[in-house]
C-alpha atoms as a PDB file:
ATOM      1  CA  MET A   1     310.263  79.245   9.398  1.00  0.00           C
ATOM      2  CA  THR A   2     308.584  82.118   7.611  1.00  0.00           C
ATOM      3  CA  SER A   3     308.651  85.692   8.746  1.00  0.00           C
ATOM      4  CA  GLU A   4     306.671  88.635   7.542  1.00  0.00           C
ATOM      5  CA  LEU A   5     308.634  91.594   6.240  1.00  0.00           C
ATOM      6  CA  PRO A   6     307.779  94.998   7.672  1.00  0.00           C
ATOM      7  CA  THR A   7     305.598  97.078   5.359  1.00  0.00           C
ATOM      8  CA  LYS A   8     308.439  99.481   4.554  1.00  0.00           C
ATOM      9  CA  SER A   9     310.680  96.593   3.474  1.00  0.00           C
ATOM     10  CA  ARG A  10     307.914  95.132   1.296  1.00  0.00           C
ATOM     11  CA  ASP A  11     307.369  98.523  -0.340  1.00  0.00           C
ATOM     12  CA  GLU A  12     311.083  98.849  -1.019  1.00  0.00           C
ATOM     13  CA  LEU A  13     311.228  95.342  -2.496  1.00  0.00           C
ATOM     14  CA  TRP A  14     308.170  96.019  -4.677  1.00  0.00           C
ATOM     15  CA  THR A  15     309.737  99.258  -5.959  1.00  0.00           C
ATOM     16  CA  LEU A  16     312.976  97.406  -6.692  1.00  0.00           C
ATOM     17  CA  LEU A  17     311.094  94.660  -8.551  1.00  0.00           C
ATOM     18  CA  VAL A  18     309.113  97.171 -10.628  1.00  0.00           C
ATOM     19  CA  ASP A  19     312.250  99.146 -11.514  1.00  0.00           C
ATOM     20  CA  THR A  20     314.054  95.944 -12.486  1.00  0.00           C
ATOM     21  CA  VAL A  21     311.176  94.692 -14.630  1.00  0.00           C
ATOM     22  CA  HIS A  22     310.800  98.062 -16.366  1.00  0.00           C
ATOM     23  CA  ALA A  23     314.491  97.875 -17.314  1.00  0.00           C
ATOM     24  CA  LEU A  24     314.005  94.583 -19.190  1.00  0.00           C
ATOM     25  CA  PRO A  25     314.340  95.136 -22.959  1.00  0.00           C
ATOM     26  CA  MET A  26     311.256  93.114 -23.911  1.00  0.00           C
ATOM     27  CA  TYR A  27     308.957  94.255 -21.089  1.00  0.00           C
ATOM     28  CA  LYS A  28     306.955  96.776 -23.123  1.00  0.00           C
ATOM     29  CA  SER A  29     306.450  94.271 -25.944  1.00  0.00           C
ATOM     30  CA  HIS A  30     305.420  91.515 -23.549  1.00  0.00           C
ATOM     31  CA  LYS A  31     303.006  93.832 -21.761  1.00  0.00           C
ATOM     32  CA  ARG A  32     301.433  95.012 -25.022  1.00  0.00           C
ATOM     33  CA  PHE A  33     301.022  91.401 -26.177  1.00  0.00           C
ATOM     34  CA  VAL A  34     299.327  90.415 -22.919  1.00  0.00           C
ATOM     35  CA  GLU A  35     297.143  93.527 -22.883  1.00  0.00           C
ATOM     36  CA  GLU A  36     295.956  93.144 -26.469  1.00  0.00           C
ATOM     37  CA  GLY A  37     295.323  89.411 -26.446  1.00  0.00           C
ATOM     38  CA  MET A  38     296.059  87.118 -23.549  1.00  0.00           C
ATOM     39  CA  ILE A  39     294.312  89.091 -20.810  1.00  0.00           C
ATOM     40  CA  LYS A  40     291.129  89.278 -22.908  1.00  0.00           C
ATOM     41  CA  GLU A  41     291.153  85.537 -23.571  1.00  0.00           C
ATOM     42  CA  THR A  42     292.066  84.533 -20.017  1.00  0.00           C
ATOM     43  CA  PRO A  43     291.274  87.421 -17.638  1.00  0.00           C
ATOM     44  CA  GLU A  44     291.872  85.321 -14.501  1.00  0.00           C
ATOM     45  CA  ILE A  45     295.337  84.099 -15.516  1.00  0.00           C
ATOM     46  CA  THR A  46     297.826  83.829 -12.657  1.00  0.00           C
ATOM     47  CA  SER A  47     301.367  85.177 -12.624  1.00  0.00           C
ATOM     48  CA  LYS A  48     302.785  81.661 -12.704  1.00  0.00           C
ATOM     49  CA  GLU A  49     300.666  80.653 -15.691  1.00  0.00           C
ATOM     50  CA  LEU A  50     301.566  83.827 -17.552  1.00  0.00           C
ATOM     51  CA  ALA A  51     305.260  83.367 -16.791  1.00  0.00           C
ATOM     52  CA  VAL A  52     305.186  79.842 -18.223  1.00  0.00           C
ATOM     53  CA  GLN A  53     303.245  80.838 -21.342  1.00  0.00           C
ATOM     54  CA  LEU A  54     305.470  83.848 -22.115  1.00  0.00           C
ATOM     55  CA  ASN A  55     308.690  82.233 -20.888  1.00  0.00           C
ATOM     56  CA  VAL A  56     309.398  85.171 -18.563  1.00  0.00           C
ATOM     57  CA  THR A  57     310.119  85.428 -14.857  1.00  0.00           C
ATOM     58  CA  ILE A  58     307.340  85.335 -12.300  1.00  0.00           C
ATOM     59  CA  GLY A  59     308.435  88.805 -11.218  1.00  0.00           C
ATOM     60  CA  GLU A  60     307.869  90.221 -14.701  1.00  0.00           C
ATOM     61  CA  ALA A  61     304.501  88.478 -14.976  1.00  0.00           C
ATOM     62  CA  THR A  62     303.440  89.736 -11.541  1.00  0.00           C
ATOM     63  CA  VAL A  63     304.292  93.367 -12.313  1.00  0.00           C
ATOM     64  CA  MET A  64     302.653  93.115 -15.725  1.00  0.00           C
ATOM     65  CA  LEU A  65     299.384  91.735 -14.354  1.00  0.00           C
ATOM     66  CA  TYR A  66     299.353  94.228 -11.496  1.00  0.00           C
ATOM     67  CA  GLU A  67     299.727  97.153 -13.881  1.00  0.00           C
ATOM     68  CA  LEU A  68     297.203  95.835 -16.399  1.00  0.00           C
ATOM     69  CA  ARG A  69     294.574  94.945 -13.815  1.00  0.00           C
ATOM     70  CA  ALA A  70     295.015  98.171 -11.869  1.00  0.00           C
ATOM     71  CA  GLY A  71     294.764 100.127 -15.122  1.00  0.00           C
ATOM     72  CA  LYS A  72     297.783 102.183 -14.190  1.00  0.00           C
ATOM     73  CA  HIS A  73     300.521 103.532 -16.345  1.00  0.00           C
ATOM     74  CA  PRO A  74     303.883 101.997 -15.318  1.00  0.00           C
ATOM     75  CA  THR A  75     305.216 105.305 -13.990  1.00  0.00           C
ATOM     76  CA  GLU A  76     302.357 105.505 -11.490  1.00  0.00           C
ATOM     77  CA  THR A  77     303.548 102.376  -9.692  1.00  0.00           C
ATOM     78  CA  THR A  78     306.914 103.784  -8.682  1.00  0.00           C
ATOM     79  CA  PRO A  79     307.280 106.725  -6.316  1.00  0.00           C
ATOM     80  CA  ALA A  80     310.569 107.629  -8.039  1.00  0.00           C
ATOM     81  CA  ALA A  81     308.573 108.984 -10.990  1.00  0.00           C
ATOM     82  CA  THR A  82     307.498 112.015  -8.928  1.00  0.00           C
ATOM     83  CA  ASN A  83     311.026 112.899  -7.855  1.00  0.00           C
ATOM     84  CA  PRO A  84     313.202 115.173  -9.993  1.00  0.00           C
ATOM     85  CA  PRO A  85     315.802 113.280 -12.030  1.00  0.00           C
ATOM     86  CA  PRO A  86     319.196 112.937 -10.349  1.00  0.00           C
ATOM     87  CA  LYS A  87     322.277 114.642 -11.708  1.00  0.00           C
ATOM     88  CA  THR A  88     324.031 112.654 -14.417  1.00  0.00           C
ATOM     89  CA  ASN A  89     327.032 111.808 -12.257  1.00  0.00           C
ATOM     90  CA  ASP A  90     324.702 110.504  -9.484  1.00  0.00           C
ATOM     91  CA  ARG A  91     322.810 108.123 -11.760  1.00  0.00           C
ATOM     92  CA  SER A  92     323.160 104.378 -11.967  1.00  0.00           C
ATOM     93  CA  LEU A  93     322.956 102.246 -15.096  1.00  0.00           C
ATOM     94  CA  PHE A  94     319.252 101.565 -14.475  1.00  0.00           C
ATOM     95  CA  ASP A  95     318.474 105.305 -14.456  1.00  0.00           C
ATOM     96  CA  PHE A  96     319.590 105.578 -18.072  1.00  0.00           C
ATOM     97  CA  THR A  97     317.100 102.951 -19.265  1.00  0.00           C
ATOM     98  CA  LYS A  98     314.045 105.003 -18.286  1.00  0.00           C
END
């Protein structure tokens, strides 16, 4: 049985995935590698194929391809980038990796 998530829930999950992927230590290096080489050689590569070739998660590959194909800077994909930063005592561990 499959059920569709409401749009708001999907948006929240996408934001969570993007934030999680951006916190990965090797994400910027992986993205640069794909942008400078792999995407030019195989522009129609799928997330699953990219994940296998880079040995990364499908989530990381999906976010990477979305950002590269949309031509957006990573901060444009998350609405949190437009909000003022929270106070230090209100921040989580992931806030300090940005």
